């Protein structure tokens, strides 16, 4: 939008704090190469357009906004003469993409001193060469530091996840190794016991009956019910008494195995009815090895299934074998992250999943959303640990209008009101030196807002802190190819108001 050209007064321009130290000659050059324009209420420029001008408010009111999802969010409103915005980084040249980082509109007739971007860059370099060097150093140094520390943040998270994953994988792997060694021993004893039975003077029909019982037993083991400790204890006593009554030695050692397999005295009665009394102890011993073998194979299956689940969770978490931008099931992403962080969360923190399974798949960069979940869960766990050993983490999903809500709620001490508006700032952290970079929430904010056009907000009071992520259910029109997170802009004040 173009304004109405008006006379430029060096004296008036010199009254603005930006230019109050300039000489008359310099003010004359500004008026000669710049201009004063009057804008009627309405838009002046839009976010993302080429940054062609530097604007300084003389009188009126200016409103700056950023586009978040489908909404324009007001970030600055000022009527202070001298407030400036526009092509503020023109002095850097084409080393930075020169676009407006916000949208500007005026709410009443407003006059601006407007300086073309190339003129602004020229006078900056000519009049303030040292200041330009300092600003360039601050600008690029800050971006480089942020990129390096962001990489360190991800490496630290990866190291922590790797250590947790190694621990989680080690437990089922060790269990499978132990069970395999024990299984080999039990199978050998079962073969020996079968050889003893088959070499004795027992009719073939009894051996056949025992083998039939063995087959039925394996089916019963697969369907073993879950018993309470009291129920298991009572059943162990019943089986021990039965074995003692039938002169089977060490019945108290056999009873727990039979109970774990879901077998009771009715099953033992069937065994006793199928064989002669003199072969019963050997038959029960042989069937005990059969039951132990089945239980050990179940343990190996559970352990290897757990390992497979962890590996799949790691693949889902990293998204290494998937497209970077895709329609993803947010619950799969949350589950994989929670599984990866299970060791870090620990048993003392209860995890509650309150999922709305009707949520549709959402267009997203899943690997980067997993990074957001990791940061938010890690912060929640750390907050609860700082207040005590226990706590509850609730992960909730819901449909809110045309957006998907993902909420992380913890029972920690809360975020103090005085720092609540700073927690998304780069490098801001409440952790001790060396324990946090202050980029976790900043990176999360940029992933959610800049890359997914959603929103990230916090609502906190002692015992109830909620970080809420809202994500669009449909892809943004003209969605570009995925870019590296460091290439997105850091959340900052779109204009400087003094």
Protein backbone atom coordinates (compact mmCIF):
# COMPACT_ATOMS: atom_id res chain seq x y z
CA UNK A 1 0.00 0.00 0.00
CA UNK A 2 1.39 3.41 -0.96
CA UNK A 3 0.84 6.53 1.08
CA UNK A 4 0.33 10.15 0.15
CA UNK A 5 3.65 11.90 -0.43
CA UNK A 6 4.15 14.88 1.90
CA UNK A 7 6.90 17.48 2.45
CA UNK A 8 9.93 16.29 4.41
CA UNK A 9 11.23 18.67 7.06
CA UNK A 10 14.81 18.04 8.24
CA UNK A 11 13.94 19.74 11.52
CA UNK A 12 10.98 17.38 12.10
CA UNK A 13 13.04 14.35 11.11
CA UNK A 14 15.80 15.46 13.46
CA UNK A 15 13.35 15.52 16.38
CA UNK A 16 12.99 11.74 16.16
CA UNK A 17 15.31 9.99 18.61
CA UNK A 18 16.91 7.89 15.86
CA UNK A 19 18.18 10.98 14.06
CA UNK A 20 18.60 13.56 16.84
CA UNK A 21 22.43 13.37 16.75
CA UNK A 22 22.75 13.81 12.99
CA UNK A 23 24.14 16.93 11.37
CA UNK A 24 22.08 19.29 9.25
CA UNK A 25 23.84 17.93 6.17
CA UNK A 26 22.96 14.37 7.11
CA UNK A 27 19.34 15.29 7.80
CA UNK A 28 19.20 17.04 4.46
CA UNK A 29 20.41 13.89 2.73
CA UNK A 30 17.75 11.81 4.49
CA UNK A 31 15.00 14.13 3.33
CA UNK A 32 16.44 14.21 -0.17
CA UNK A 33 16.71 10.44 -0.55
CA UNK A 34 13.82 9.47 1.71
CA UNK A 35 10.28 10.75 1.94
CA UNK A 36 7.41 11.42 4.30
CA UNK A 37 4.19 9.56 3.55
CA UNK A 38 0.71 9.70 5.04
CA UNK A 39 -1.06 6.36 5.27
CA UNK A 40 -4.78 6.02 5.76
CA UNK A 41 -6.07 3.28 8.12
CA UNK A 42 -5.33 -0.15 6.68
CA UNK A 43 -2.41 -2.41 5.73
CA UNK A 44 0.98 -1.00 4.76
CA UNK A 45 2.97 -4.16 4.03
CA UNK A 46 2.57 -7.90 4.58
CA UNK A 47 4.81 -10.46 6.24
CA UNK A 48 7.06 -12.27 3.76
CA UNK A 49 7.02 -9.53 1.11
CA UNK A 50 10.40 -8.14 -0.07
CA UNK A 51 11.64 -5.63 2.51
CA UNK A 52 12.03 -2.50 0.38
CA UNK A 53 11.66 0.27 2.97
CA UNK A 54 12.58 1.32 6.50
CA UNK A 55 9.67 3.03 8.31
CA UNK A 56 9.88 5.49 11.21
CA UNK A 57 6.63 6.70 12.80
CA UNK A 58 6.22 10.47 13.01
CA UNK A 59 2.63 10.57 14.26
CA UNK A 60 -0.32 8.16 14.37
CA UNK A 61 -0.50 4.54 15.49
CA UNK A 62 1.16 1.44 14.06
CA UNK A 63 0.21 -2.21 14.66
CA UNK A 64 2.56 -5.11 13.88
CA UNK A 65 1.37 -8.70 13.61
CA UNK A 66 2.71 -12.19 12.82
CA UNK A 67 0.89 -14.91 10.93
CA UNK A 68 0.28 -18.01 13.08
CA UNK A 69 -1.73 -20.71 11.32
CA UNK A 70 -4.66 -18.95 9.76
CA UNK A 71 -4.65 -16.00 12.15
CA UNK A 72 -2.80 -12.68 12.37
CA UNK A 73 -1.55 -12.30 15.94
CA UNK A 74 -0.87 -8.73 17.09
CA UNK A 75 2.60 -8.47 18.65
CA UNK A 76 3.26 -4.71 18.86
CA UNK A 77 1.04 -1.61 18.93
CA UNK A 78 2.63 1.82 19.32
CA UNK A 79 1.86 5.51 18.86
CA UNK A 80 5.30 6.61 20.09
CA UNK A 81 7.07 8.92 17.58
CA UNK A 82 10.29 7.30 16.45
CA UNK A 83 9.01 3.70 16.55
CA UNK A 84 10.62 1.92 13.62
CA UNK A 85 10.15 -1.25 11.61
CA UNK A 86 10.57 -2.63 8.11
CA UNK A 87 13.90 -3.34 6.41
CA UNK A 88 15.93 -3.20 9.62
CA UNK A 89 18.52 -5.73 8.40
CA UNK A 90 19.14 -4.13 5.00
CA UNK A 91 22.71 -3.20 6.04
CA UNK A 92 23.56 -6.95 5.99
CA UNK A 93 22.74 -7.15 2.29
CA UNK A 94 21.97 -10.36 0.44
CA UNK A 95 23.65 -12.50 3.11
CA UNK A 96 20.21 -12.59 4.74
CA UNK A 97 16.95 -12.91 2.86
CA UNK A 98 15.48 -9.42 2.93
CA UNK A 99 11.76 -9.85 3.63
CA UNK A 100 9.43 -8.24 6.11
CA UNK A 101 9.29 -10.38 9.26
CA UNK A 102 5.86 -9.02 10.20
CA UNK A 103 2.79 -7.33 8.78
CA UNK A 104 2.18 -3.63 9.41
CA UNK A 105 -1.05 -1.66 9.42
CA UNK A 106 -2.16 1.70 10.79
CA UNK A 107 -5.35 2.27 12.76
CA UNK A 108 -5.63 6.02 12.02
CA UNK A 109 -4.11 8.44 9.52
CA UNK A 110 -0.40 8.14 10.26
CA UNK A 111 2.71 9.84 8.94
CA UNK A 112 5.99 7.97 8.47
CA UNK A 113 9.46 8.87 7.40
CA UNK A 114 10.16 6.23 4.73
CA UNK A 115 13.70 5.41 3.67
CA UNK A 116 14.36 2.99 0.79
CA UNK A 117 16.19 -0.12 1.97
CA UNK A 118 19.25 0.50 -0.20
CA UNK A 119 19.57 4.06 1.09
CA UNK A 120 19.16 2.87 4.68
CA UNK A 121 21.92 0.29 4.08
CA UNK A 122 24.17 2.90 2.49
CA UNK A 123 23.87 5.53 5.22
CA UNK A 124 24.34 2.87 7.89
CA UNK A 125 27.60 1.72 6.31
CA UNK A 126 28.84 5.26 5.64
CA UNK A 127 27.82 6.96 8.88
CA UNK A 128 28.14 4.14 11.36
CA UNK A 129 30.77 1.72 9.97
CA UNK A 130 31.88 0.55 13.41
CA UNK A 131 28.28 0.12 14.55
CA UNK A 132 27.51 -1.90 11.42
CA UNK A 133 30.45 -4.22 12.07
CA UNK A 134 29.32 -4.66 15.66
CA UNK A 135 25.72 -5.35 14.59
CA UNK A 136 26.85 -7.83 11.94
CA UNK A 137 28.99 -9.60 14.52
CA UNK A 138 26.11 -9.74 16.97
CA UNK A 139 23.66 -10.93 14.31
CA UNK A 140 25.77 -13.67 12.76
CA UNK A 141 27.46 -14.59 16.03
CA UNK A 142 24.09 -15.05 17.68
CA UNK A 143 22.82 -17.21 14.80
CA UNK A 144 25.98 -19.33 14.77
CA UNK A 145 25.94 -19.73 18.55
CA UNK A 146 22.29 -20.64 18.46
CA UNK A 147 22.90 -23.19 15.70
CA UNK A 148 25.84 -24.78 17.52
CA UNK A 149 24.12 -24.86 20.88
CA UNK A 150 20.96 -26.16 19.21
CA UNK A 151 23.01 -29.00 17.76
CA UNK A 152 24.50 -29.64 21.20
CA UNK A 153 21.01 -29.65 22.68
CA UNK A 154 19.96 -32.33 20.21
CA UNK A 155 23.14 -34.33 20.77
CA UNK A 156 22.59 -34.21 24.53
CA UNK A 157 19.02 -35.37 24.05
CA UNK A 158 20.21 -38.10 21.68
CA UNK A 159 22.84 -39.22 24.20
CA UNK A 160 20.28 -39.33 26.96
CA UNK A 161 17.83 -41.24 24.76
CA UNK A 162 20.57 -43.63 23.63
CA UNK A 163 21.55 -44.36 27.23
CA UNK A 164 17.90 -44.96 28.12
CA UNK A 165 17.34 -47.11 25.06
CA UNK A 166 20.47 -49.16 25.81
CA UNK A 167 19.20 -49.76 29.32
CA UNK A 168 15.73 -50.68 28.08
CA UNK A 169 17.17 -53.06 25.48
CA UNK A 170 19.61 -54.62 27.93
CA UNK A 171 16.90 -55.82 30.33
CA UNK A 172 14.89 -57.96 27.87
CA UNK A 173 18.08 -59.09 26.11
CA UNK A 174 19.58 -60.29 29.40
CA UNK A 175 16.28 -61.98 30.29
CA UNK A 176 16.24 -63.78 26.94
CA UNK A 177 19.84 -64.97 27.44
CA UNK A 178 19.09 -66.26 30.95
CA UNK A 179 15.89 -67.95 29.80
CA UNK A 180 17.69 -69.59 26.87
CA UNK A 181 20.36 -71.05 29.15
CA UNK A 182 17.74 -72.35 31.58
CA UNK A 183 15.65 -73.68 28.68
CA UNK A 184 18.57 -75.74 27.40
CA UNK A 185 18.96 -77.30 30.85
CA UNK A 186 15.23 -78.05 31.20
CA UNK A 187 15.00 -79.63 27.75
CA UNK A 188 17.92 -81.90 28.60
CA UNK A 189 16.24 -82.99 31.84
CA UNK A 190 12.94 -83.51 30.03
CA UNK A 191 14.66 -85.78 27.49
CA UNK A 192 16.29 -87.72 30.33
CA UNK A 193 13.01 -88.09 32.20
CA UNK A 194 11.23 -89.24 29.01
CA UNK A 195 13.98 -91.79 28.40
CA UNK A 196 13.49 -93.16 31.93
CA UNK A 197 9.75 -93.44 31.40
CA UNK A 198 9.98 -94.99 27.94
CA UNK A 199 12.58 -97.57 29.06
CA UNK A 200 10.41 -98.76 31.96
CA UNK A 201 7.81 -101.51 31.85
CA UNK A 202 4.98 -99.12 31.01
CA UNK A 203 2.28 -99.90 28.44
CA UNK A 204 2.50 -97.82 25.26
CA UNK A 205 -1.01 -96.51 25.88
CA UNK A 206 0.15 -94.84 29.15
CA UNK A 207 3.01 -93.11 27.35
CA UNK A 208 0.63 -92.02 24.62
CA UNK A 209 -1.75 -90.72 27.28
CA UNK A 210 1.07 -88.75 28.90
CA UNK A 211 2.03 -87.21 25.55
CA UNK A 212 -1.60 -86.25 25.01
CA UNK A 213 -1.67 -84.64 28.47
CA UNK A 214 1.56 -82.84 27.58
CA UNK A 215 -0.10 -81.35 24.47
CA UNK A 216 -3.13 -80.21 26.45
CA UNK A 217 -0.81 -78.77 29.12
CA UNK A 218 0.99 -76.54 26.63
CA UNK A 219 -2.40 -75.17 25.55
CA UNK A 220 -3.34 -74.47 29.17
CA UNK A 221 -0.04 -72.67 29.80
CA UNK A 222 -0.76 -70.33 26.87
CA UNK A 223 -4.12 -69.43 28.47
CA UNK A 224 -2.87 -69.09 32.06
CA UNK A 225 -5.00 -66.57 34.00
CA UNK A 226 -3.52 -63.73 36.01
CA UNK A 227 -3.89 -64.43 39.73
CA UNK A 228 -3.62 -62.12 42.71
CA UNK A 229 -0.85 -62.92 45.22
CA UNK A 230 -3.45 -64.29 47.66
CA UNK A 231 -5.07 -66.50 44.99
CA UNK A 232 -1.67 -67.79 43.88
CA UNK A 233 -0.67 -68.59 47.48
CA UNK A 234 -3.90 -70.53 48.12
CA UNK A 235 -3.50 -72.52 44.90
CA UNK A 236 0.16 -73.32 45.73
CA UNK A 237 -0.97 -74.73 49.09
CA UNK A 238 -3.61 -76.90 47.37
CA UNK A 239 -1.12 -78.30 44.87
CA UNK A 240 1.56 -78.87 47.53
CA UNK A 241 -0.95 -80.84 49.62
CA UNK A 242 -1.98 -82.91 46.57
CA UNK A 243 1.62 -83.74 45.71
CA UNK A 244 2.39 -84.68 49.33
CA UNK A 245 -0.69 -86.91 49.44
CA UNK A 246 0.58 -88.74 46.35
CA UNK A 247 4.10 -89.20 47.77
CA UNK A 248 5.75 -86.88 45.25
CA UNK A 249 8.91 -85.41 46.78
CA UNK A 250 9.61 -81.66 46.90
CA UNK A 251 6.04 -80.78 46.08
CA UNK A 252 6.56 -77.25 47.43
CA UNK A 253 9.19 -76.67 44.72
CA UNK A 254 6.90 -77.84 41.92
CA UNK A 255 3.75 -76.03 43.07
CA UNK A 256 4.77 -72.42 42.07
CA UNK A 257 5.57 -73.52 38.51
CA UNK A 258 2.20 -75.24 38.09
CA UNK A 259 0.37 -72.24 39.54
CA UNK A 260 2.22 -69.81 37.24
CA UNK A 261 1.13 -71.99 34.31
CA UNK A 262 -2.52 -71.87 35.41
CA UNK A 263 -2.66 -75.55 36.41
CA UNK A 264 -4.51 -76.87 39.44
CA UNK A 265 -5.42 -80.10 41.27
CA UNK A 266 -8.01 -80.99 38.62
CA UNK A 267 -5.20 -81.18 36.07
CA UNK A 268 -3.13 -83.32 38.46
CA UNK A 269 -6.11 -85.61 38.90
CA UNK A 270 -6.18 -86.14 35.13
CA UNK A 271 -2.47 -87.00 35.18
CA UNK A 272 -2.96 -89.48 38.04
CA UNK A 273 -5.85 -91.13 36.22
CA UNK A 274 -3.76 -91.64 33.09
CA UNK A 275 -0.78 -93.50 34.59
CA UNK A 276 -0.08 -96.14 37.20
CA UNK A 277 0.79 -95.03 40.69
CA UNK A 278 4.43 -96.09 40.45
CA UNK A 279 5.04 -93.96 37.34
CA UNK A 280 3.17 -90.90 38.65
CA UNK A 281 6.21 -89.15 40.26
CA UNK A 282 8.25 -89.53 37.07
CA UNK A 283 5.27 -88.39 34.97
CA UNK A 284 4.68 -85.31 37.15
CA UNK A 285 8.40 -84.49 37.02
CA UNK A 286 8.42 -84.84 33.24
CA UNK A 287 5.34 -82.63 32.90
CA UNK A 288 6.95 -80.09 35.26
CA UNK A 289 9.87 -79.77 32.83
CA UNK A 290 7.35 -79.41 30.01
CA UNK A 291 5.60 -76.57 31.85
CA UNK A 292 8.91 -74.87 32.68
CA UNK A 293 9.95 -75.15 29.04
CA UNK A 294 6.73 -73.48 27.89
CA UNK A 295 7.10 -70.71 30.47
CA UNK A 296 10.71 -70.10 29.45
CA UNK A 297 9.74 -69.93 25.78
CA UNK A 298 7.02 -67.44 26.69
CA UNK A 299 9.64 -65.38 28.53
CA UNK A 300 11.96 -65.46 25.51
CA UNK A 301 9.08 -64.47 23.23
CA UNK A 302 8.09 -61.59 25.54
CA UNK A 303 11.70 -60.40 25.76
CA UNK A 304 12.36 -60.50 22.03
CA UNK A 305 8.98 -58.86 21.36
CA UNK A 306 9.98 -56.11 23.77
CA UNK A 307 13.28 -55.67 21.94
CA UNK A 308 11.47 -55.53 18.61
CA UNK A 309 9.01 -52.96 20.02
CA UNK A 310 11.88 -50.80 21.26
CA UNK A 311 13.64 -50.96 17.90
CA UNK A 312 10.41 -50.07 16.12
CA UNK A 313 9.85 -47.21 18.57
CA UNK A 314 13.36 -45.94 17.86
CA UNK A 315 12.65 -46.05 14.11
CA UNK A 316 9.32 -44.32 14.62
CA UNK A 317 10.94 -41.72 16.86
CA UNK A 318 13.80 -40.94 14.46
CA UNK A 319 11.65 -41.28 11.30
CA UNK A 320 14.83 -42.34 9.51
CA UNK A 321 13.01 -44.53 6.99
CA UNK A 322 10.10 -42.17 6.35
CA UNK A 323 9.37 -39.03 4.39
CA UNK A 324 10.20 -35.85 6.33
CA UNK A 325 6.78 -34.30 5.63
CA UNK A 326 3.82 -36.64 5.87
CA UNK A 327 0.39 -37.26 7.32
CA UNK A 328 1.18 -38.78 10.71
CA UNK A 329 -0.72 -40.37 13.57
CA UNK A 330 0.08 -38.11 16.51
CA UNK A 331 -0.55 -40.97 18.96
CA UNK A 332 2.10 -43.13 17.32
CA UNK A 333 4.56 -40.26 17.68
CA UNK A 334 3.65 -39.75 21.35
CA UNK A 335 3.86 -43.47 22.15
CA UNK A 336 7.27 -43.84 20.53
CA UNK A 337 8.60 -40.81 22.43
CA UNK A 338 7.22 -42.07 25.75
CA UNK A 339 8.78 -45.48 25.12
CA UNK A 340 12.13 -43.89 24.27
CA UNK A 341 11.97 -41.80 27.45
CA UNK A 342 10.65 -44.58 29.71
CA UNK A 343 14.00 -45.05 31.43
CA UNK A 344 14.36 -41.32 32.04
CA UNK A 345 10.80 -40.96 33.31
CA UNK A 346 11.28 -43.82 35.78
CA UNK A 347 8.74 -45.84 37.75
CA UNK A 348 8.12 -43.14 40.37
CA UNK A 349 6.37 -40.89 37.83
CA UNK A 350 2.99 -42.14 36.69
CA UNK A 351 2.19 -41.63 33.01
CA UNK A 352 -1.49 -41.23 32.06
CA UNK A 353 -2.53 -41.32 28.40
CA UNK A 354 -5.79 -39.50 27.73
CA UNK A 355 -6.03 -39.90 23.96
CA UNK A 356 -8.86 -38.92 21.67
CA UNK A 357 -8.49 -41.73 19.15
CA UNK A 358 -10.87 -40.02 16.74
CA UNK A 359 -8.19 -37.47 15.83
CA UNK A 360 -7.31 -37.71 12.15
CA UNK A 361 -3.75 -37.96 10.89
CA UNK A 362 -2.10 -34.54 10.65
CA UNK A 363 0.29 -33.09 8.04
CA UNK A 364 3.58 -32.70 9.87
CA UNK A 365 7.31 -33.19 10.17
CA UNK A 366 7.08 -36.16 12.57
CA UNK A 367 10.75 -36.33 13.58
CA UNK A 368 10.66 -32.68 14.63
CA UNK A 369 7.37 -33.08 16.51
CA UNK A 370 9.03 -35.94 18.40
CA UNK A 371 11.73 -33.45 19.38
CA UNK A 372 9.01 -31.15 20.73
CA UNK A 373 7.44 -34.00 22.73
CA UNK A 374 10.90 -34.90 24.08
CA UNK A 375 11.60 -31.35 25.25
CA UNK A 376 8.19 -30.92 26.89
CA UNK A 377 8.25 -34.33 28.61
CA UNK A 378 11.84 -33.80 29.77
CA UNK A 379 10.91 -30.41 31.27
CA UNK A 380 7.84 -31.87 32.98
CA UNK A 381 9.80 -34.76 34.48
CA UNK A 382 12.54 -32.41 35.64
CA UNK A 383 10.01 -30.09 37.27
CA UNK A 384 8.33 -32.94 39.15
CA UNK A 385 11.67 -34.37 40.27
CA UNK A 386 12.68 -30.96 41.63
CA UNK A 387 9.63 -31.03 43.88
CA UNK A 388 9.91 -34.65 45.03
CA UNK A 389 10.33 -38.20 43.88
CA UNK A 390 6.81 -38.77 42.59
CA UNK A 391 4.39 -37.12 40.22
CA UNK A 392 1.93 -37.66 37.39
CA UNK A 393 2.46 -36.82 33.74
CA UNK A 394 -0.75 -36.68 31.73
CA UNK A 395 -0.53 -36.65 27.95
CA UNK A 396 -3.86 -35.62 26.44
CA UNK A 397 -5.03 -35.23 22.86
CA UNK A 398 -8.27 -33.67 21.73
CA UNK A 399 -9.94 -32.00 18.78
CA UNK A 400 -10.28 -28.23 19.16
CA UNK A 401 -12.09 -26.76 16.18
CA UNK A 402 -9.93 -27.33 13.11
CA UNK A 403 -6.82 -28.08 15.17
CA UNK A 404 -5.37 -31.02 17.08
CA UNK A 405 -4.50 -30.36 20.72
CA UNK A 406 -1.60 -32.17 22.37
CA UNK A 407 -1.30 -31.30 26.06
CA UNK A 408 1.40 -32.24 28.56
CA UNK A 409 0.26 -31.79 32.14
CA UNK A 410 2.50 -32.29 35.16
CA UNK A 411 2.07 -32.01 38.92
CA UNK A 412 5.31 -30.09 39.48
CA UNK A 413 5.76 -26.77 41.26
CA UNK A 414 4.67 -24.72 38.24
CA UNK A 415 6.24 -21.90 36.24
CA UNK A 416 6.55 -18.67 38.30
CA UNK A 417 4.46 -15.84 36.89
CA UNK A 418 7.46 -13.49 36.68
CA UNK A 419 9.28 -15.71 34.15
CA UNK A 420 6.32 -17.16 32.29
CA UNK A 421 6.66 -14.73 29.37
CA UNK A 422 10.38 -15.51 29.03
CA UNK A 423 10.48 -19.30 28.97
CA UNK A 424 10.34 -19.45 25.15
CA UNK A 425 13.22 -16.96 24.77
CA UNK A 426 16.46 -18.35 23.34
CA UNK A 427 19.05 -19.24 26.00
CA UNK A 428 16.68 -18.60 28.91
CA UNK A 429 16.89 -21.40 31.47
CA UNK A 430 16.27 -21.89 35.17
CA UNK A 431 18.57 -24.91 35.33
CA UNK A 432 22.02 -24.68 36.95
CA UNK A 433 24.98 -23.75 34.76
CA UNK A 434 25.98 -26.68 32.57
CA UNK A 435 22.65 -28.51 32.90
CA UNK A 436 20.58 -26.64 30.34
CA UNK A 437 21.18 -24.55 27.22
CA UNK A 438 17.88 -22.67 27.32
CA UNK A 439 17.05 -23.70 23.75
CA UNK A 440 14.66 -26.60 24.36
CA UNK A 441 11.49 -24.50 24.46
CA UNK A 442 12.82 -22.05 21.88
CA UNK A 443 13.41 -24.90 19.40
CA UNK A 444 10.00 -26.36 20.27
CA UNK A 445 8.35 -22.98 19.67
CA UNK A 446 9.97 -22.62 16.27
CA UNK A 447 9.06 -26.17 15.22
CA UNK A 448 5.41 -25.76 16.24
CA UNK A 449 4.83 -22.16 15.13
CA UNK A 450 7.20 -21.60 12.21
CA UNK A 451 7.22 -25.04 10.62
CA UNK A 452 3.72 -26.31 11.49
CA UNK A 453 1.84 -23.00 11.67
CA UNK A 454 0.45 -23.99 15.06
CA UNK A 455 0.76 -22.53 18.55
CA UNK A 456 2.54 -23.43 21.78
CA UNK A 457 1.38 -21.98 25.08
CA UNK A 458 1.63 -22.63 28.80
CA UNK A 459 -0.89 -22.41 31.62
CA UNK A 460 0.62 -22.96 35.04
CA UNK A 461 -0.07 -22.94 38.72
CA UNK A 462 1.55 -24.99 41.52
CA UNK A 463 0.65 -28.64 41.03
CA UNK A 464 -0.86 -28.14 37.59
CA UNK A 465 1.28 -27.02 34.65
CA UNK A 466 0.01 -27.54 31.11
CA UNK A 467 1.97 -27.04 27.91
CA UNK A 468 -0.48 -27.05 25.01
CA UNK A 469 0.44 -27.62 21.38
CA UNK A 470 -2.18 -26.82 18.74
CA UNK A 471 -1.56 -28.15 15.21
CA UNK A 472 -3.60 -27.57 12.04
CA UNK A 473 -5.43 -30.59 10.66
CA UNK A 474 -4.83 -29.52 7.06
CA UNK A 475 -1.64 -28.61 5.22
CA UNK A 476 -0.90 -24.95 4.72
CA UNK A 477 -1.54 -23.82 1.17
CA UNK A 478 1.67 -23.86 -0.84
CA UNK A 479 3.61 -25.83 1.79
CA UNK A 480 7.26 -25.65 0.79
CA UNK A 481 9.73 -28.50 0.85
CA UNK A 482 11.04 -29.23 4.36
CA UNK A 483 13.87 -26.96 5.50
CA UNK A 484 16.39 -27.28 8.28
CA UNK A 485 15.16 -25.90 11.60
CA UNK A 486 18.06 -23.46 11.82
CA UNK A 487 16.84 -21.78 8.64
CA UNK A 488 13.66 -20.55 10.34
CA UNK A 489 13.50 -17.23 12.15
CA UNK A 490 13.89 -17.00 15.90
CA UNK A 491 10.81 -15.60 17.70
CA UNK A 492 11.65 -11.98 18.41
CA UNK A 493 10.12 -8.56 18.67
CA UNK A 494 9.17 -7.66 15.07
CA UNK A 495 9.85 -4.00 15.73
CA UNK A 496 11.80 -1.95 18.23
CA UNK A 497 9.78 0.52 20.24
CA UNK A 498 11.57 2.98 22.50
